[in-house]
Protein backbone atom coordinates (compact mmCIF):
# COMPACT_ATOMS: atom_id res chain seq x y z
CA UNK A 1 211.56 139.21 149.64
CA UNK A 2 211.08 139.10 146.06
CA UNK A 3 207.63 139.49 144.71
CA UNK A 4 206.50 136.52 142.84
CA UNK A 5 204.79 137.86 139.56
CA UNK A 6 201.87 135.60 138.10
CA UNK A 7 202.25 134.75 134.72
CA UNK A 8 199.14 135.94 132.53
CA UNK A 9 196.89 132.98 131.51
CA UNK A 10 196.97 131.98 127.91
CA UNK A 11 193.50 131.13 126.31
CA UNK A 12 193.57 128.30 124.27
CA UNK A 13 191.27 127.99 121.41
CA UNK A 14 189.53 124.65 120.86
CA UNK A 15 189.33 123.32 117.58
CA UNK A 16 186.15 124.09 115.72
CA UNK A 17 183.98 120.78 115.26
CA UNK A 18 184.06 119.46 112.10
CA UNK A 19 181.15 120.14 109.91
CA UNK A 20 179.09 116.95 109.59
CA UNK A 21 178.57 115.71 106.25
CA UNK A 22 175.11 115.42 105.02
CA UNK A 23 173.67 112.01 105.16
CA UNK A 24 173.23 110.30 101.56
CA UNK A 25 170.46 107.97 101.39
CA UNK A 26 171.54 105.26 98.74
CA UNK A 27 168.97 102.69 99.45
CA UNK A 28 167.28 101.41 96.48
CA UNK A 29 163.77 103.11 96.32
CA UNK A 30 161.52 105.06 94.22
CA UNK A 31 161.87 108.87 94.72
CA UNK A 32 158.49 110.60 95.48
CA UNK A 33 157.40 113.67 93.87
CA UNK A 34 158.62 116.99 95.57
CA UNK A 35 155.22 118.71 95.35
CA UNK A 36 153.24 115.74 96.06
CA UNK A 37 151.50 115.64 92.47
CA UNK A 38 152.88 113.41 90.08
CA UNK A 39 152.08 112.19 86.34
CA UNK A 40 150.08 109.32 88.20
CA UNK A 41 147.99 112.07 90.01
CA UNK A 42 147.31 113.68 86.91
CA UNK A 43 146.22 110.51 85.22
CA UNK A 44 143.97 109.97 88.15
CA UNK A 45 142.49 113.32 87.79
CA UNK A 46 142.01 112.66 84.40
CA UNK A 47 140.48 109.26 84.93
CA UNK A 48 137.73 111.01 87.28
CA UNK A 49 137.07 113.76 84.93
CA UNK A 50 136.31 111.19 82.12
CA UNK A 51 133.95 109.36 84.47
CA UNK A 52 132.30 112.82 85.20
CA UNK A 53 132.06 113.77 81.67
CA UNK A 54 130.48 110.47 80.78
CA UNK A 55 127.93 110.45 83.75
CA UNK A 56 126.86 114.04 82.64
CA UNK A 57 126.33 112.96 78.89
CA UNK A 58 124.17 110.05 79.90
CA UNK A 59 122.23 112.09 82.58
CA UNK A 60 121.79 114.43 79.57
CA UNK A 61 120.05 111.82 77.45
CA UNK A 62 118.07 110.68 80.51
CA UNK A 63 119.92 107.42 80.74
CA UNK A 64 121.62 105.83 83.77
CA UNK A 65 124.42 103.55 82.44
CA UNK A 66 126.55 101.27 84.61
CA UNK A 67 130.07 103.73 84.78
CA UNK A 68 132.80 102.61 86.76
CA UNK A 69 136.39 103.52 87.49
CA UNK A 70 139.46 102.00 88.91
CA UNK A 71 139.81 102.51 92.64
CA UNK A 72 142.83 104.79 94.08
CA UNK A 73 146.11 103.24 93.94
CA UNK A 74 145.12 100.75 91.17
CA UNK A 75 147.04 100.72 87.88
CA UNK A 76 146.12 101.04 84.99
CA UNK A 77 143.65 103.51 85.35
CA UNK A 78 140.56 102.41 83.89
CA UNK A 79 137.07 103.92 83.23
CA UNK A 80 134.20 101.36 82.00
CA UNK A 81 130.69 101.79 80.63
CA UNK A 82 128.06 99.41 80.06
CA UNK A 83 124.72 100.06 78.61
CA UNK A 84 122.11 97.75 77.96
CA UNK A 85 119.20 99.65 76.13
CA UNK A 86 115.80 97.78 76.36
CA UNK A 87 114.32 96.86 72.95
CA UNK A 88 111.37 94.84 73.74
CA UNK A 89 110.08 92.64 76.58
CA UNK A 90 108.40 89.48 76.41
CA UNK A 91 106.78 87.32 79.13
CA UNK A 92 109.92 85.37 79.33
CA UNK A 93 112.84 87.48 78.29
CA UNK A 94 113.86 91.14 77.74
CA UNK A 95 115.43 92.08 74.52
CA UNK A 96 118.54 94.67 74.99
CA UNK A 97 121.02 96.18 72.80
CA UNK A 98 124.79 95.89 74.46
CA UNK A 99 127.13 98.36 73.98
CA UNK A 100 130.36 99.08 75.81
CA UNK A 101 133.30 101.44 76.22
CA UNK A 102 136.53 101.30 78.19
CA UNK A 103 139.08 103.99 78.41
CA UNK A 104 142.48 102.99 79.85
CA UNK A 105 145.02 105.70 80.77
CA UNK A 106 148.60 104.73 80.99
CA UNK A 107 151.51 106.91 82.02
CA UNK A 108 154.67 107.30 79.86
CA UNK A 109 156.96 109.74 81.76
CA UNK A 110 159.77 109.81 78.96
CA UNK A 111 157.47 110.98 76.50
CA UNK A 112 156.38 114.52 75.38
CA UNK A 113 152.79 113.83 76.06
CA UNK A 114 153.19 111.40 79.12
CA UNK A 115 149.37 110.37 79.08
CA UNK A 116 148.11 107.77 76.50
CA UNK A 117 144.57 106.98 76.24
CA UNK A 118 143.50 103.38 74.78
CA UNK A 119 139.70 103.50 73.92
CA UNK A 120 137.74 100.51 73.19
CA UNK A 121 134.13 101.02 71.86
CA UNK A 122 131.78 97.93 70.98
CA UNK A 123 128.15 98.18 69.76
CA UNK A 124 126.35 95.46 68.15
CA UNK A 125 128.79 93.58 66.14
CA UNK A 126 131.13 96.58 65.44
CA UNK A 127 134.08 97.25 67.62
CA UNK A 128 136.59 99.93 67.59
CA UNK A 129 139.91 100.37 69.24
CA UNK A 130 142.56 102.97 69.12
CA UNK A 131 145.28 104.79 71.24
CA UNK A 132 146.41 108.39 71.23
CA UNK A 133 147.97 110.79 73.64
CA UNK A 134 144.90 113.24 73.77
CA UNK A 135 141.24 112.80 74.34
CA UNK A 136 138.91 116.03 74.29
CA UNK A 137 135.61 116.54 76.11
CA UNK A 138 133.74 116.34 72.47
CA UNK A 139 135.25 113.15 71.93
CA UNK A 140 133.87 111.60 75.10
CA UNK A 141 130.47 113.11 74.14
CA UNK A 142 130.75 111.41 70.75
CA UNK A 143 131.29 107.89 72.55
CA UNK A 144 128.09 108.27 74.35
CA UNK A 145 126.09 109.36 71.30
CA UNK A 146 127.50 106.07 69.48
CA UNK A 147 126.58 104.04 72.64
CA UNK A 148 123.01 105.02 72.51
CA UNK A 149 122.51 105.74 68.91
CA UNK A 150 125.09 104.28 66.91
CA UNK A 151 125.65 105.74 63.45
CA UNK A 152 129.06 107.18 62.44
CA UNK A 153 132.10 106.11 64.26
CA UNK A 154 133.65 108.76 66.64
CA UNK A 155 136.28 110.95 65.76
CA UNK A 156 138.68 109.49 67.95
CA UNK A 157 139.01 106.41 65.81
CA UNK A 158 139.35 108.18 62.67
CA UNK A 159 142.63 108.28 60.71
CA UNK A 160 144.91 111.05 61.86
CA UNK A 161 146.84 111.36 58.41
CA UNK A 162 145.21 112.74 55.24
CA UNK A 163 143.95 110.31 52.59
CA UNK A 164 146.26 111.60 49.88
CA UNK A 165 149.55 111.28 52.34
CA UNK A 166 147.96 107.54 53.19
CA UNK A 167 147.74 106.84 49.55
CA UNK A 168 151.39 107.92 48.75
CA UNK A 169 152.48 106.01 51.82
CA UNK A 170 151.45 102.93 50.24
CA UNK A 171 154.10 103.31 47.70
CA UNK A 172 156.78 105.24 49.56
CA UNK A 173 157.91 104.15 52.72
CA UNK A 174 158.03 106.90 55.78
CA UNK A 175 155.08 108.71 54.23
CA UNK A 176 151.58 108.61 55.57
CA UNK A 177 152.70 107.52 59.13
CA UNK A 178 150.73 109.09 62.23
CA UNK A 179 152.64 111.79 64.23
CA UNK A 180 155.14 110.14 66.51
CA UNK A 181 154.91 110.67 70.28
CA UNK A 182 158.58 111.61 70.68
CA UNK A 183 160.88 111.05 73.75
CA UNK A 184 161.81 114.06 75.60
CA UNK A 185 165.27 115.68 75.25
CA UNK A 186 166.97 114.08 78.42
CA UNK A 187 165.66 110.50 77.31
CA UNK A 188 166.79 110.49 73.76
CA UNK A 189 169.36 108.46 72.78
CA UNK A 190 172.82 110.25 71.81
CA UNK A 191 174.66 108.53 68.89
CA UNK A 192 177.22 111.13 68.34
CA UNK A 193 179.69 110.37 71.13
CA UNK A 194 183.39 110.34 71.67
CA UNK A 195 183.35 106.47 70.97
CA UNK A 196 181.24 106.78 67.85
CA UNK A 197 183.46 109.71 66.49
CA UNK A 198 186.48 107.64 66.94
CA UNK A 199 184.97 104.74 65.43
CA UNK A 200 183.60 106.44 62.26
CA UNK A 201 186.94 108.50 61.91
CA UNK A 202 189.03 105.34 62.10
CA UNK A 203 186.80 103.51 59.66
CA UNK A 204 186.86 106.62 57.24
CA UNK A 205 190.65 106.88 57.34
CA UNK A 206 191.14 103.08 57.03
CA UNK A 207 188.91 103.26 53.72
CA UNK A 208 191.14 106.24 52.16
CA UNK A 209 194.14 104.25 53.14
CA UNK A 210 192.68 101.02 51.37
CA UNK A 211 191.69 103.01 48.25
CA UNK A 212 195.20 104.73 48.18
CA UNK A 213 196.95 101.22 48.52
CA UNK A 214 194.62 99.66 45.69
CA UNK A 215 195.96 102.34 43.18
CA UNK A 216 199.60 101.68 44.01
CA UNK A 217 201.45 98.50 42.44
CA UNK A 218 204.38 98.91 44.74
CA UNK A 219 203.60 99.34 48.55
CA UNK A 220 199.94 98.65 48.13
CA UNK A 221 200.17 95.61 50.55
CA UNK A 222 201.41 97.51 53.27
CA UNK A 223 198.80 100.31 52.69
CA UNK A 224 196.10 97.60 53.04
CA UNK A 225 197.90 96.40 56.20
CA UNK A 226 197.79 100.02 57.67
CA UNK A 227 194.22 100.55 57.03
CA UNK A 228 193.24 97.29 58.39
CA UNK A 229 195.35 98.16 61.44
CA UNK A 230 193.58 101.86 61.84
CA UNK A 231 190.15 100.50 61.21
CA UNK A 232 190.68 97.66 64.17
CA UNK A 233 192.39 99.99 66.47
CA UNK A 234 189.82 102.65 66.17
CA UNK A 235 186.95 99.98 66.80
CA UNK A 236 188.93 98.73 69.71
CA UNK A 237 189.42 102.35 71.32
CA UNK A 238 185.85 103.04 70.61
CA UNK A 239 184.64 99.84 72.38
CA UNK A 240 186.92 100.43 75.43
CA UNK A 241 185.44 104.07 75.70
CA UNK A 242 182.20 102.74 75.62
CA UNK A 243 182.67 99.99 78.10
CA UNK A 244 184.32 102.17 80.68
CA UNK A 245 181.26 104.66 80.45
CA UNK A 246 179.08 104.65 83.51
CA UNK A 247 175.49 103.29 83.37
CA UNK A 248 172.86 105.27 85.25
CA UNK A 249 169.05 104.58 85.54
CA UNK A 250 166.44 107.41 85.51
CA UNK A 251 163.67 106.57 87.81
CA UNK A 252 160.39 108.55 87.13
CA UNK A 253 159.15 110.29 90.65
CA UNK A 254 155.81 108.53 92.20
CA UNK A 255 153.38 109.99 94.23
CA UNK A 256 153.36 110.61 97.90
CA UNK A 257 151.33 107.79 98.33
CA UNK A 258 151.76 104.07 97.96
CA UNK A 259 151.62 102.99 94.59
CA UNK A 260 149.30 100.18 95.15
CA UNK A 261 146.81 99.34 97.87
CA UNK A 262 144.96 96.19 98.71
CA UNK A 263 141.33 96.21 99.82
CA UNK A 264 139.29 93.26 101.12
CA UNK A 265 136.08 92.64 98.74
CA UNK A 266 133.26 90.56 98.65
CA UNK A 267 132.89 87.88 96.05
CA UNK A 268 130.23 85.56 95.05
CA UNK A 269 129.98 82.69 92.30
CA UNK A 270 127.06 80.78 90.54
CA UNK A 271 127.72 77.08 89.73
CA UNK A 272 126.17 76.10 86.43
CA UNK A 273 125.63 72.35 86.16
């Protein structure tokens, strides 16, 4: 009898599972801040800080004014003050001096200074309004002093350009302007691109050809025709390149919480015949 040999088993390796591709979320949505603290959160912190500074300044003067601020999730962010200082009182009426202050904080995420403060101040018949991207503690104290005592207008409303430059600017354009809150580098428009370079180079070459054609009696017409062709061709090429350029949208990151909340509030009214 012949021995029947067993064939050795061969190990067949299973194909490695394909690495799943990460899921890309392409739904239109506002991205949220990674750290949970966005510019809107910083603006809300400044709103609370300004309200606290106003409360402390009035408390130091032994005055309780009506100070209120926008609620969480309400935009724009506002701090408002009304102070009615009693002057005299009769049997039928109370005489008061009214003064008010409004500080509105808006967010401009593409600026070098992203928080903009718009301040409106009113006392008696005088009213001041200005906008700037910085508001210091001392300036908040000046607001309270003016609301209660009047006098010199707060420094926040003073011109931020020296008087000689403003006088020169009345005659020379571009001089005497307030400092500009420029865009960040990523948001600044780029005018020197491939398309603009082709257009400028083509127009410059066409101008040179046209000038050389005007100085020649013979062949001047052909030079002008060539100049016109170069100018038109360069503009067409630049327009095609600009048209084929993709357009993207930059969306500032919102905070983790919803940007707006709805509340049920009480209301009342008075009908005056």
